[in-house]
Amino acid sequence: MVDPDFQYVIAELAMALAGFSGVVVGVKSSSQKSVDRQDRFGLLLILLTSGCAMLFSLAPLALQASGMSAQNAGDLSNTLVSLVVLGACSVVGIASFKSSPRYPFTFWPLLIFGWVLAIALLVKSAGLIEYAADLSALMLLFLLTAGFAQFFSFLIMSWWKPEQ
């Protein structure tokens, strides 16, 4: 099981990421008159990844507090986060064919890693394969990394002005 202190730190980082992202997008959009479609999608992606990181870092602790065993709470939380990430990666992957990502060299590796990690965590949580690794901490870090990558792209777009 993941250390509760680690889970609290993930939850705090997720909320900080969501807050800073909102500020960056707000400042960027105030200079442009409106928020374009890719920025809205990017902000939604940041809010979803950081929200999921926060929710699923605290879910096992809340389930344990309600009387569930630590193992069952972890397995339920891992199953749910795996299904959410699989669904989200699939939807985002399909949507990217309609509107291509700004930075495909970071987008596609993160998307593929999300699929692989979600499948591995789902298989382990379902008990289909036994292995010693606890992938739940890696999943929480993946969610933060995906949100941070989008946040970083907002910063690059806000500060970098193409030469004319």
Protein backbone atom coordinates (compact mmCIF):
# COMPACT_ATOMS: atom_id res chain seq x y z
CA MET A 1 0.00 0.00 0.00
CA VAL A 2 1.04 3.57 -0.63
CA ASP A 3 2.14 5.68 2.32
CA PRO A 4 -0.67 8.03 3.47
CA ASP A 5 1.76 10.97 3.61
CA PHE A 6 2.58 10.40 -0.07
CA GLN A 7 -1.14 10.37 -0.86
CA TYR A 8 -1.68 13.68 0.95
CA VAL A 9 1.23 15.27 -0.92
CA ILE A 10 -0.23 14.11 -4.25
CA ALA A 11 -3.60 15.61 -3.32
CA GLU A 12 -1.97 18.94 -2.38
CA LEU A 13 0.10 19.05 -5.57
CA ALA A 14 -2.97 18.25 -7.65
CA MET A 15 -4.91 21.16 -6.21
CA ALA A 16 -1.98 23.53 -6.63
CA LEU A 17 -1.62 22.46 -10.27
CA ALA A 18 -5.31 23.06 -10.94
CA GLY A 19 -5.19 26.50 -9.31
CA PHE A 20 -2.06 27.68 -11.09
CA SER A 21 -3.39 26.43 -14.41
CA GLY A 22 -6.56 28.43 -14.02
CA VAL A 23 -4.53 31.55 -13.34
CA VAL A 24 -2.26 30.99 -16.35
CA VAL A 25 -5.18 30.36 -18.72
CA GLY A 26 -7.02 33.36 -17.27
CA VAL A 27 -4.06 35.67 -17.82
CA LYS A 28 -3.47 34.28 -21.30
CA SER A 29 -7.12 34.65 -22.32
CA SER A 30 -7.40 38.19 -20.95
CA SER A 31 -4.76 39.30 -23.44
CA GLN A 32 -6.53 37.51 -26.31
CA LYS A 33 -10.17 38.54 -25.77
CA SER A 34 -11.34 34.90 -25.68
CA VAL A 35 -10.21 31.38 -24.86
CA ASP A 36 -9.64 29.21 -27.92
CA ARG A 37 -10.86 25.62 -28.20
CA GLN A 38 -7.48 23.99 -27.55
CA ASP A 39 -6.96 26.10 -24.41
CA ARG A 40 -10.38 25.10 -23.07
CA PHE A 41 -9.60 21.45 -23.81
CA GLY A 42 -6.17 21.81 -22.17
CA LEU A 43 -7.62 23.41 -19.06
CA LEU A 44 -10.25 20.67 -18.88
CA LEU A 45 -7.47 18.08 -19.19
CA ILE A 46 -5.52 19.70 -16.35
CA LEU A 47 -8.58 19.89 -14.14
CA LEU A 48 -9.48 16.26 -14.85
CA THR A 49 -5.99 14.87 -14.29
CA SER A 50 -5.39 16.88 -11.14
CA GLY A 51 -8.92 16.15 -9.89
CA CYS A 52 -8.44 12.42 -10.46
CA ALA A 53 -5.03 12.53 -8.78
CA MET A 54 -6.58 14.23 -5.76
CA LEU A 55 -9.66 12.00 -5.63
CA PHE A 56 -7.83 8.70 -6.05
CA SER A 57 -5.02 9.63 -3.68
CA LEU A 58 -7.58 10.22 -0.93
CA ALA A 59 -10.12 7.51 -1.87
CA PRO A 60 -8.30 4.56 -0.25
CA LEU A 61 -7.97 6.50 3.00
CA ALA A 62 -11.65 7.44 2.96
CA LEU A 63 -12.70 3.87 2.18
CA GLN A 64 -10.55 2.58 5.05
CA ALA A 65 -12.11 5.15 7.38
CA SER A 66 -15.53 3.80 6.41
CA GLY A 67 -14.54 0.32 7.57
CA MET A 68 -13.13 -1.32 4.45
CA SER A 69 -9.89 -3.25 4.79
CA ALA A 70 -6.76 -1.58 3.44
CA GLN A 71 -6.35 -4.23 0.72
CA ASN A 72 -9.97 -3.99 -0.47
CA ALA A 73 -9.89 -0.18 -0.36
CA GLY A 74 -6.72 -0.11 -2.42
CA ASP A 75 -8.04 -2.64 -4.94
CA LEU A 76 -11.34 -0.79 -5.38
CA SER A 77 -9.63 2.56 -5.76
CA ASN A 78 -7.08 1.13 -8.21
CA THR A 79 -9.82 -0.52 -10.29
CA LEU A 80 -11.78 2.71 -10.48
CA VAL A 81 -8.79 4.90 -11.38
CA SER A 82 -7.74 2.36 -14.02
CA LEU A 83 -11.16 2.43 -15.64
CA VAL A 84 -11.27 6.24 -15.53
CA VAL A 85 -7.79 6.56 -17.07
CA LEU A 86 -8.54 3.94 -19.75
CA GLY A 87 -11.73 5.75 -20.68
CA ALA A 88 -10.14 9.18 -20.61
CA CYS A 89 -7.12 8.10 -22.66
CA SER A 90 -9.44 6.54 -25.22
CA VAL A 91 -11.63 9.63 -25.49
CA VAL A 92 -8.64 11.99 -25.65
CA GLY A 93 -6.94 9.75 -28.22
CA ILE A 94 -10.02 9.74 -30.45
CA ALA A 95 -10.50 13.49 -30.01
CA SER A 96 -6.89 14.12 -31.01
CA PHE A 97 -7.61 12.87 -34.52
CA LYS A 98 -10.19 15.64 -34.91
CA SER A 99 -8.02 18.35 -33.34
CA SER A 100 -4.32 17.54 -33.45
CA PRO A 101 -2.30 18.09 -30.26
CA ARG A 102 0.04 21.09 -30.09
CA TYR A 103 2.97 19.02 -28.85
CA PRO A 104 2.56 15.49 -30.26
CA PHE A 105 6.03 14.43 -29.06
CA THR A 106 4.80 14.65 -25.45
CA PHE A 107 1.12 13.92 -26.07
CA TRP A 108 1.40 10.47 -27.67
CA PRO A 109 3.98 8.97 -25.27
CA LEU A 110 1.92 10.15 -22.28
CA LEU A 111 -1.27 8.77 -23.81
CA ILE A 112 0.28 5.39 -24.57
CA PHE A 113 1.91 5.19 -21.14
CA GLY A 114 -1.48 5.98 -19.57
CA TRP A 115 -3.13 3.12 -21.45
CA VAL A 116 -0.39 0.65 -20.54
CA LEU A 117 -0.28 1.71 -16.89
CA ALA A 118 -4.08 1.62 -16.55
CA ILE A 119 -4.27 -1.87 -18.05
CA ALA A 120 -1.44 -3.14 -15.81
CA LEU A 121 -3.04 -1.63 -12.69
CA LEU A 122 -6.47 -3.02 -13.64
CA VAL A 123 -5.08 -6.52 -14.21
CA LYS A 124 -3.23 -6.43 -10.88
CA SER A 125 -6.23 -5.02 -8.97
CA ALA A 126 -8.52 -7.69 -10.41
CA GLY A 127 -6.09 -10.33 -9.17
CA LEU A 128 -5.52 -11.78 -12.64
CA ILE A 129 -1.75 -11.48 -12.29
CA GLU A 130 0.26 -11.26 -9.09
CA TYR A 131 3.36 -9.14 -8.92
CA ALA A 132 5.02 -7.30 -6.08
CA ALA A 133 5.00 -3.81 -7.59
CA ASP A 134 2.40 -1.34 -6.36
CA LEU A 135 1.45 0.65 -9.43
CA SER A 136 -1.01 2.96 -7.67
CA ALA A 137 1.70 5.46 -6.74
CA LEU A 138 2.95 5.40 -10.33
CA MET A 139 -0.60 6.04 -11.56
CA LEU A 140 -0.96 9.08 -9.28
CA LEU A 141 2.38 10.41 -10.52
CA PHE A 142 1.29 9.79 -14.11
CA LEU A 143 -1.86 11.85 -13.58
CA LEU A 144 0.18 14.72 -12.15
CA THR A 145 2.73 14.45 -14.96
CA ALA A 146 0.03 14.58 -17.63
CA GLY A 147 -1.48 17.67 -16.02
CA PHE A 148 1.91 19.29 -15.57
CA ALA A 149 2.81 18.67 -19.23
CA GLN A 150 -0.32 20.56 -20.29
CA PHE A 151 0.40 23.31 -17.77
CA PHE A 152 3.95 23.62 -19.10
CA SER A 153 2.61 23.95 -22.66
CA PHE A 154 0.38 26.82 -21.46
CA LEU A 155 3.44 28.52 -19.98
CA ILE A 156 5.43 28.09 -23.18
CA MET A 157 2.59 29.53 -25.25
CA SER A 158 2.14 32.44 -22.85
CA TRP A 159 5.80 33.44 -22.72
CA TRP A 160 7.06 32.53 -26.15
CA LYS A 161 6.19 34.94 -28.90
CA PRO A 162 6.87 33.76 -32.45
CA GLU A 163 9.12 36.03 -34.44
CA GLN A 164 7.39 37.98 -37.15
